[in-house]
Amino acid sequence: MNTTYQSNNNVVYFCKYHVVWCPKYRRKVLTNGVDVRLKELLTEYAANLSVD
């Protein structure tokens, strides 16, 4: 596991986020390429915001 710390003028931090999907009836909702497309969209959105 690669631990990379970020920093700015006054703090050093290590931050991770996880997206958890909890469908109402416990069925798989990220199927048939939806999972791949969602990852692409989130990566693109993060790049637009200049975040890792």
Protein backbone atom coordinates (compact mmCIF):
# COMPACT_ATOMS: atom_id res chain seq x y z
CA MET A 1 0.00 0.00 0.00
CA ASN A 2 1.39 3.36 -1.04
CA THR A 3 0.83 6.04 1.59
CA THR A 4 1.16 9.52 0.13
CA TYR A 5 0.83 12.54 2.35
CA GLN A 6 -0.39 15.85 0.92
CA SER A 7 0.53 19.25 2.31
CA ASN A 8 -0.10 22.94 1.99
CA ASN A 9 1.21 25.99 3.87
CA ASN A 10 0.20 24.89 7.35
CA VAL A 11 -0.84 21.21 7.38
CA VAL A 12 0.21 17.77 6.24
CA TYR A 13 -2.61 15.29 5.69
CA PHE A 14 -3.53 11.85 4.38
CA CYS A 15 -7.10 11.54 3.23
CA LYS A 16 -9.04 8.68 1.65
CA TYR A 17 -12.67 8.50 0.63
CA HIS A 18 -14.78 5.49 -0.21
CA VAL A 19 -18.06 5.50 -2.08
CA VAL A 20 -20.49 2.95 -0.67
CA TRP A 21 -23.63 2.01 -2.59
CA CYS A 22 -26.50 0.68 -0.49
CA PRO A 23 -29.42 -0.23 -2.75
CA LYS A 24 -32.77 -0.70 -1.08
CA TYR A 25 -33.24 -4.34 -2.10
CA ARG A 26 -29.57 -5.44 -1.98
CA ARG A 27 -29.34 -6.09 -5.69
CA LYS A 28 -26.36 -5.21 -7.82
CA VAL A 29 -26.89 -1.83 -9.46
CA LEU A 30 -23.43 -1.17 -10.89
CA THR A 31 -23.51 -3.78 -13.66
CA ASN A 32 -23.22 -3.91 -17.45
CA GLY A 33 -20.51 -1.27 -17.66
CA VAL A 34 -22.20 1.19 -15.29
CA ASP A 35 -19.35 0.69 -12.80
CA VAL A 36 -16.71 1.50 -15.43
CA ARG A 37 -18.56 4.60 -16.62
CA LEU A 38 -19.10 5.82 -13.05
CA LYS A 39 -15.38 5.50 -12.35
CA GLU A 40 -14.60 7.48 -15.53
CA LEU A 41 -17.05 10.24 -14.56
CA LEU A 42 -15.74 10.51 -10.99
CA THR A 43 -12.13 10.61 -12.21
CA GLU A 44 -12.99 13.31 -14.74
CA TYR A 45 -14.87 15.35 -12.14
CA ALA A 46 -11.96 15.08 -9.68
CA ALA A 47 -9.55 16.25 -12.40
CA ASN A 48 -11.79 19.26 -13.11
CA LEU A 49 -11.66 20.15 -9.41
CA SER A 50 -7.86 19.58 -9.30
CA VAL A 51 -8.11 16.97 -6.56
CA ASP A 52 -6.51 13.54 -6.26
